[in-house]
Amino acid sequence: MKPKAIQLDIRSPHCRATGQRPPIGKVTRLRDSGAPSDHDGASHVFRPSRPSELGGNPALRKLIFLWSIALGAATTLTIGAAISFWILPYLRRGNPEVAELRIDHEARVRIASRFPSPGEDEALRMVKFAMANRDPAKVGELFHTGAAEAAEVIDFFERSVARDGAVGRSIWLSSIDGDGILLEGVQVSFKGNDKAAERLALLTPDHQGIWKMDFEAFARTVRPSWQELLEKQAGQATVRVYVGHDAYFNGPFSDEKQWTCYAIASPDIDVLLRGYCKAGSVEESAIERMLADGAKLCRATLEIRRVKDADQKQFEIIRVLAKDWVVADRNLTAANAGSK
């Protein structure tokens, strides 16, 4: 038997005394039900109820109809605002391709320039023609070579199939201007090898407004090479990498208040490196600005060096050379572009 407290708790709130009629409310008898009436034995006849006062008032019905439309419109606008300001930004952040290539609305805002940008067909044609070139005399016409010699450029593309595979699809990315530099992007995919490869062709104009492909950005050039840096323990290097937040502190980088840790990755190596900036430094500020829009990774060209007693995969970031893989001539940048 349940305790008295539980019994009282589960009893109906409409308990009645002995002999009391059940409170079932008024019951309307249907026509021909065979049940006698309360007084004369006749059956009650079912009659539809008369129209309500609300339904019979045209002005009131119109007012309710208008309010319904207004509330429906307000609900639709609220849902639309939620999609625009919450769901879409979330999906945008969660998309790996967008996060990696940083081709969001802000990146598509053009830097003011006196040189017109190439369209999709022209950009794709320029990249295809430059990649197919094997004439050293034409390298300067097609590429911004940076520190690379013409022979290095030709050798890179001659080894392209063996290294990356055959050229597959190329996708125009339009404007991906950044760091005061005019940039048009084309993503080039390769096929044929076990591991799919992709490279980013970045086009930028010279002093005369002739758009050329940046070779070192496409090749992700590292000087000295990854092999010299990681296997031969070179003390310092310029690297084109992806950078993201990390939190690994030990050895000379043990003090979390003194150092900020970043993950450093590249498609050209199979190991994850870590770079450290001094807290409050110019380098830290530059990287934080690149990651400020919520991107997990950003492209950057860094100058890094080894530190005594550090792990072989730990480096100090001593300079942020570019907020992408194009290290442009600042005089050229000033001549080509104005303010946004």
Protein backbone atom coordinates (compact mmCIF):
# COMPACT_ATOMS: atom_id res chain seq x y z
CA MET A 1 0.00 0.00 0.00
CA LYS A 2 1.25 3.46 -0.91
CA PRO A 3 1.99 5.92 1.88
CA LYS A 4 -0.80 8.39 2.66
CA ALA A 5 1.18 11.31 1.24
CA ILE A 6 1.49 9.58 -2.15
CA GLN A 7 -2.20 8.61 -2.13
CA LEU A 8 -3.19 12.21 -1.58
CA ASP A 9 -0.85 13.34 -4.30
CA ILE A 10 -2.25 11.06 -7.02
CA ARG A 11 -5.96 11.55 -6.16
CA SER A 12 -8.11 13.41 -8.63
CA PRO A 13 -8.54 17.09 -7.80
CA HIS A 14 -12.27 16.62 -8.43
CA CYS A 15 -12.97 14.18 -5.60
CA ARG A 16 -16.67 13.96 -4.56
CA ALA A 17 -18.52 12.80 -1.50
CA THR A 18 -20.61 9.65 -1.30
CA GLY A 19 -23.90 10.07 -3.14
CA GLN A 20 -22.78 13.20 -4.92
CA ARG A 21 -23.49 13.35 -8.65
CA PRO A 22 -20.40 13.12 -10.86
CA PRO A 23 -19.43 16.58 -12.17
CA ILE A 24 -19.48 15.65 -15.87
CA GLY A 25 -21.07 18.88 -16.99
CA LYS A 26 -24.05 19.40 -19.26
CA VAL A 27 -24.83 16.57 -21.69
CA THR A 28 -26.75 17.25 -24.87
CA ARG A 29 -28.84 14.33 -26.07
CA LEU A 30 -28.78 13.61 -29.77
CA ARG A 31 -31.92 13.31 -31.83
CA ASP A 32 -33.52 9.83 -31.90
CA SER A 33 -31.13 8.61 -29.28
CA GLY A 34 -33.99 6.88 -27.51
CA ALA A 35 -33.17 8.58 -24.26
CA PRO A 36 -36.12 10.23 -22.45
CA SER A 37 -36.19 13.91 -21.78
CA ASP A 38 -36.00 15.33 -18.30
CA HIS A 39 -39.57 16.55 -18.36
CA ASP A 40 -41.93 15.42 -21.10
CA GLY A 41 -40.20 12.30 -22.44
CA ALA A 42 -39.39 13.86 -25.79
CA SER A 43 -35.94 13.58 -27.19
CA HIS A 44 -33.77 16.68 -27.41
CA VAL A 45 -33.27 17.86 -30.97
CA PHE A 46 -29.72 18.77 -32.01
CA ARG A 47 -29.59 22.33 -33.23
CA PRO A 48 -26.45 24.04 -34.53
CA SER A 49 -25.30 26.87 -32.35
CA ARG A 50 -25.85 30.37 -33.63
CA PRO A 51 -22.92 32.31 -35.15
CA SER A 52 -20.65 33.84 -32.57
CA GLU A 53 -20.51 37.53 -32.05
CA LEU A 54 -16.92 37.60 -33.35
CA GLY A 55 -17.81 35.76 -36.54
CA GLY A 56 -20.73 38.02 -37.20
CA ASN A 57 -18.75 41.24 -36.97
CA PRO A 58 -17.11 42.02 -40.37
CA ALA A 59 -14.99 44.90 -39.01
CA LEU A 60 -13.61 42.75 -36.21
CA ARG A 61 -12.86 39.87 -38.59
CA LYS A 62 -10.98 42.24 -40.89
CA LEU A 63 -8.95 43.59 -37.99
CA ILE A 64 -8.01 40.06 -36.87
CA PHE A 65 -7.05 39.17 -40.47
CA LEU A 66 -4.76 42.21 -40.76
CA TRP A 67 -3.11 41.48 -37.42
CA SER A 68 -2.51 37.86 -38.53
CA ILE A 69 -0.72 39.08 -41.66
CA ALA A 70 1.39 41.49 -39.63
CA LEU A 71 2.40 38.81 -37.12
CA GLY A 72 3.22 36.37 -39.93
CA ALA A 73 5.44 38.93 -41.64
CA ALA A 74 7.21 39.70 -38.37
CA THR A 75 7.85 35.98 -37.79
CA THR A 76 9.25 35.58 -41.32
CA LEU A 77 11.60 38.55 -40.84
CA THR A 78 12.78 37.17 -37.50
CA ILE A 79 13.58 33.78 -39.03
CA GLY A 80 15.36 35.44 -41.95
CA ALA A 81 17.46 37.54 -39.61
CA ALA A 82 18.44 34.45 -37.63
CA ILE A 83 19.57 32.68 -40.81
CA SER A 84 21.54 35.71 -42.02
CA PHE A 85 23.29 36.59 -38.78
CA TRP A 86 23.78 33.18 -37.16
CA ILE A 87 23.36 30.14 -39.40
CA LEU A 88 25.09 31.43 -42.54
CA PRO A 89 28.17 32.77 -40.72
CA TYR A 90 28.40 29.45 -38.86
CA LEU A 91 28.29 27.47 -42.09
CA ARG A 92 30.81 29.83 -43.63
CA ARG A 93 33.23 29.31 -40.76
CA GLY A 94 32.69 25.58 -40.80
CA ASN A 95 33.45 25.14 -44.50
CA PRO A 96 37.10 23.93 -44.80
CA GLU A 97 37.59 25.30 -48.32
CA VAL A 98 36.39 28.76 -47.34
CA ALA A 99 38.44 28.73 -44.15
CA GLU A 100 41.55 27.62 -45.99
CA LEU A 101 41.34 29.83 -49.03
CA ARG A 102 39.76 32.77 -47.14
CA ILE A 103 37.53 33.69 -50.06
CA ASP A 104 34.77 35.31 -48.03
CA HIS A 105 32.92 38.54 -48.68
CA GLU A 106 35.60 40.71 -47.10
CA ALA A 107 38.34 39.08 -49.21
CA ARG A 108 36.43 39.92 -52.38
CA VAL A 109 36.46 43.66 -51.70
CA ARG A 110 38.75 45.08 -54.33
CA ILE A 111 41.70 47.31 -53.56
CA ALA A 112 41.43 50.51 -55.58
CA SER A 113 43.76 50.27 -58.59
CA ARG A 114 44.42 51.97 -61.89
CA PHE A 115 44.92 48.53 -63.48
CA PRO A 116 41.87 46.45 -64.47
CA SER A 117 41.78 42.86 -63.22
CA PRO A 118 41.65 39.93 -65.63
CA GLY A 119 38.33 38.13 -65.95
CA GLU A 120 37.80 34.43 -65.41
CA ASP A 121 38.68 33.27 -68.92
CA GLU A 122 41.78 35.47 -69.09
CA ALA A 123 43.03 34.42 -65.65
CA LEU A 124 42.62 30.72 -66.44
CA ARG A 125 44.35 31.19 -69.80
CA MET A 126 47.30 33.02 -68.21
CA VAL A 127 47.85 30.31 -65.61
CA LYS A 128 47.57 27.49 -68.15
CA PHE A 129 50.00 29.20 -70.53
CA ALA A 130 52.53 29.96 -67.79
CA MET A 131 52.51 26.38 -66.49
CA ALA A 132 53.03 25.00 -69.98
CA ASN A 133 55.97 27.27 -70.82
CA ARG A 134 59.41 25.63 -71.16
CA ASP A 135 61.24 28.56 -72.72
CA PRO A 136 63.58 30.28 -70.21
CA ALA A 137 63.44 33.49 -72.26
CA LYS A 138 59.69 33.85 -71.59
CA VAL A 139 59.83 33.25 -67.83
CA GLY A 140 60.16 36.96 -67.04
CA GLU A 141 57.13 37.75 -69.22
CA LEU A 142 54.92 35.24 -67.45
CA PHE A 143 56.10 35.15 -63.84
CA HIS A 144 57.07 37.24 -60.88
CA THR A 145 60.07 35.08 -60.06
CA GLY A 146 61.27 36.63 -56.81
CA ALA A 147 64.66 35.12 -55.95
CA ALA A 148 64.21 32.23 -58.40
CA GLU A 149 66.26 31.97 -61.59
CA ALA A 150 64.60 31.13 -64.92
CA ALA A 151 66.22 27.68 -64.89
CA GLU A 152 64.65 26.93 -61.47
CA VAL A 153 61.20 27.88 -62.77
CA ILE A 154 61.55 25.65 -65.85
CA ASP A 155 62.88 22.75 -63.78
CA PHE A 156 59.96 23.02 -61.35
CA PHE A 157 57.36 22.64 -64.10
CA GLU A 158 59.29 19.93 -65.91
CA ARG A 159 59.09 17.84 -62.72
CA SER A 160 55.47 18.75 -62.12
CA VAL A 161 53.86 15.54 -63.42
CA ALA A 162 56.21 13.28 -61.48
CA ARG A 163 55.72 15.31 -58.30
CA ASP A 164 52.04 16.35 -58.36
CA GLY A 165 50.45 14.39 -61.21
CA ALA A 166 48.73 15.57 -64.36
CA VAL A 167 46.92 18.91 -64.28
CA GLY A 168 43.22 18.45 -63.60
CA ARG A 169 40.61 21.11 -62.99
CA SER A 170 41.39 24.79 -62.48
CA ILE A 171 38.95 27.02 -60.57
CA TRP A 172 38.94 30.80 -60.75
CA LEU A 173 38.74 32.36 -57.29
CA SER A 174 38.40 35.97 -58.45
CA SER A 175 39.85 38.63 -56.16
CA ILE A 176 41.62 37.55 -53.00
CA ASP A 177 43.37 40.87 -52.39
CA GLY A 178 45.21 41.16 -49.13
CA ASP A 179 47.94 43.05 -47.31
CA GLY A 180 47.64 45.93 -49.78
CA ILE A 181 48.41 43.63 -52.73
CA LEU A 182 46.24 43.13 -55.83
CA LEU A 183 45.72 39.39 -56.20
CA GLU A 184 43.64 37.19 -58.48
CA GLY A 185 43.50 33.53 -57.51
CA VAL A 186 43.23 30.30 -59.47
CA GLN A 187 43.13 26.95 -57.67
CA VAL A 188 44.85 24.23 -59.71
CA SER A 189 44.11 20.58 -58.94
CA PHE A 190 46.29 17.67 -60.03
CA LYS A 191 45.36 14.04 -60.63
CA GLY A 192 47.06 10.75 -61.35
CA ASN A 193 49.10 10.27 -58.19
CA ASP A 194 48.02 8.37 -55.08
CA LYS A 195 47.70 11.59 -53.13
CA ALA A 196 45.63 14.38 -54.68
CA ALA A 197 47.48 17.67 -54.85
CA GLU A 198 46.40 21.27 -55.17
CA ARG A 199 48.30 24.49 -55.72
CA LEU A 200 47.30 28.12 -55.66
CA ALA A 201 48.20 30.33 -58.61
CA LEU A 202 48.26 33.98 -57.54
CA LEU A 203 48.34 36.70 -60.20
CA THR A 204 49.42 40.27 -59.53
CA PRO A 205 50.32 43.17 -61.87
CA ASP A 206 53.76 44.67 -62.45
CA HIS A 207 54.56 48.39 -62.82
CA GLN A 208 53.04 48.48 -66.30
CA GLY A 209 49.85 46.74 -65.19
CA ILE A 210 50.77 43.41 -66.81
CA TRP A 211 49.40 40.59 -64.67
CA LYS A 212 51.83 37.77 -63.97
CA MET A 213 51.78 34.59 -61.96
CA ASP A 214 53.81 34.57 -58.73
CA PHE A 215 56.15 31.58 -59.04
CA GLU A 216 57.29 31.31 -55.44
CA ALA A 217 53.71 31.39 -54.15
CA PHE A 218 52.70 28.61 -56.56
CA ALA A 219 55.77 26.51 -55.71
CA ARG A 220 55.44 27.29 -51.96
CA THR A 221 59.15 28.03 -52.05
CA VAL A 222 61.13 27.54 -48.83
CA ARG A 223 64.66 28.88 -48.51
CA PRO A 224 66.67 26.93 -47.53
CA SER A 225 64.67 23.80 -48.42
CA TRP A 226 62.60 21.76 -45.99
CA GLN A 227 65.22 19.04 -46.18
CA GLU A 228 67.99 21.41 -45.12
CA LEU A 229 65.86 22.90 -42.37
CA LEU A 230 64.50 19.68 -40.86
CA GLU A 231 67.13 17.07 -41.67
CA LYS A 232 70.31 19.14 -41.76
CA GLN A 233 69.21 21.42 -38.93
CA ALA A 234 69.58 24.74 -40.77
CA GLY A 235 69.37 27.57 -38.25
CA GLN A 236 67.00 29.91 -40.09
CA ALA A 237 64.57 29.80 -43.04
CA THR A 238 61.87 31.64 -44.96
CA VAL A 239 58.80 29.41 -45.21
CA ARG A 240 55.40 29.58 -46.93
CA VAL A 241 53.01 27.79 -44.63
CA TYR A 242 49.58 27.57 -43.02
CA VAL A 243 49.40 29.01 -39.51
CA GLY A 244 46.83 28.39 -36.77
CA HIS A 245 46.46 28.70 -33.02
CA ASP A 246 48.13 26.08 -30.81
CA ALA A 247 49.08 25.63 -27.17
CA TYR A 248 52.25 23.61 -26.63
CA PHE A 249 54.78 25.09 -24.25
CA ASN A 250 58.04 23.51 -23.09
CA GLY A 251 61.79 24.03 -23.07
CA PRO A 252 62.77 27.60 -23.85
CA PHE A 253 59.11 28.30 -24.73
CA SER A 254 57.66 27.13 -21.40
CA ASP A 255 56.45 30.52 -20.21
CA GLU A 256 52.91 30.98 -21.57
CA LYS A 257 52.93 34.63 -20.51
CA GLN A 258 56.04 35.35 -22.54
CA TRP A 259 55.23 33.35 -25.68
CA THR A 260 52.27 32.77 -28.02
CA CYS A 261 52.21 29.37 -29.73
CA TYR A 262 51.12 28.66 -33.33
CA ALA A 263 50.88 25.47 -35.37
CA ILE A 264 52.83 25.59 -38.64
CA ALA A 265 51.88 23.18 -41.43
CA SER A 266 52.71 22.66 -45.09
CA PRO A 267 51.40 20.26 -47.77
CA ASP A 268 55.05 19.59 -48.61
CA ILE A 269 56.02 18.00 -45.27
CA ASP A 270 54.43 15.31 -43.12
CA VAL A 271 55.21 16.85 -39.73
CA LEU A 272 53.56 19.59 -37.73
CA LEU A 273 55.87 22.37 -36.59
CA ARG A 274 55.31 24.93 -33.90
CA GLY A 275 56.24 28.58 -34.06
CA TYR A 276 56.45 30.99 -31.16
CA CYS A 277 56.07 34.76 -31.09
CA LYS A 278 56.94 36.92 -28.15
CA ALA A 279 53.74 38.08 -26.46
CA GLY A 280 52.86 41.61 -27.51
CA SER A 281 55.25 41.59 -30.47
CA VAL A 282 54.61 42.92 -33.96
CA GLU A 283 54.71 39.34 -35.26
CA GLU A 284 52.01 38.20 -32.85
CA SER A 285 49.78 41.12 -33.82
CA ALA A 286 50.20 40.39 -37.54
CA ILE A 287 49.21 36.72 -37.16
CA GLU A 288 46.31 37.52 -34.85
CA ARG A 289 44.92 39.94 -37.43
CA MET A 290 45.02 37.19 -40.04
CA LEU A 291 43.11 34.84 -37.74
CA ALA A 292 40.71 37.47 -36.43
CA ASP A 293 37.80 36.46 -38.68
CA GLY A 294 37.55 33.01 -37.12
CA ALA A 295 39.61 31.12 -39.71
CA LYS A 296 41.32 28.07 -38.27
CA LEU A 297 44.23 28.41 -40.70
CA CYS A 298 45.69 31.21 -42.77
CA ARG A 299 48.44 31.40 -45.34
CA ALA A 300 51.55 33.32 -44.36
CA THR A 301 55.18 33.76 -45.34
CA LEU A 302 57.34 33.65 -42.22
CA GLU A 303 60.95 33.95 -41.25
CA ILE A 304 61.74 31.43 -38.51
CA ARG A 305 64.85 30.39 -36.59
CA ARG A 306 65.98 27.73 -34.19
CA VAL A 307 66.41 28.47 -30.52
CA LYS A 308 68.95 26.79 -28.26
CA ASP A 309 67.59 23.79 -26.33
CA ALA A 310 64.32 23.81 -28.28
CA ASP A 311 62.77 20.71 -29.81
CA GLN A 312 63.69 20.01 -33.45
CA LYS A 313 60.15 21.01 -34.51
CA GLN A 314 60.04 24.23 -32.52
CA PHE A 315 61.00 27.61 -34.00
CA GLU A 316 60.78 31.24 -33.08
CA ILE A 317 58.86 33.38 -35.57
CA ILE A 318 61.05 36.42 -35.98
CA ARG A 319 59.26 38.09 -38.90
CA VAL A 320 55.98 37.95 -40.81
CA LEU A 321 57.07 38.71 -44.37
CA ALA A 322 53.60 38.54 -45.94
CA LYS A 323 50.02 37.81 -44.99
CA ASP A 324 49.89 35.30 -47.84
CA TRP A 325 52.46 33.55 -50.04
CA VAL A 326 53.20 36.55 -52.25
CA VAL A 327 56.05 38.71 -50.95
CA ALA A 328 55.53 41.80 -53.05
CA ASP A 329 57.78 44.74 -53.76
CA ARG A 330 56.33 47.52 -51.60
CA ASN A 331 57.21 50.12 -54.21
CA LEU A 332 55.28 48.06 -56.74
CA THR A 333 52.36 47.73 -54.35
CA ALA A 334 52.23 51.50 -53.79
CA ALA A 335 52.31 52.16 -57.53
CA ASN A 336 49.54 49.67 -58.33
CA ALA A 337 47.12 50.12 -55.48
CA GLY A 338 45.56 52.83 -53.40
CA SER A 339 43.52 52.52 -50.25
CA LYS A 340 40.51 50.21 -50.03
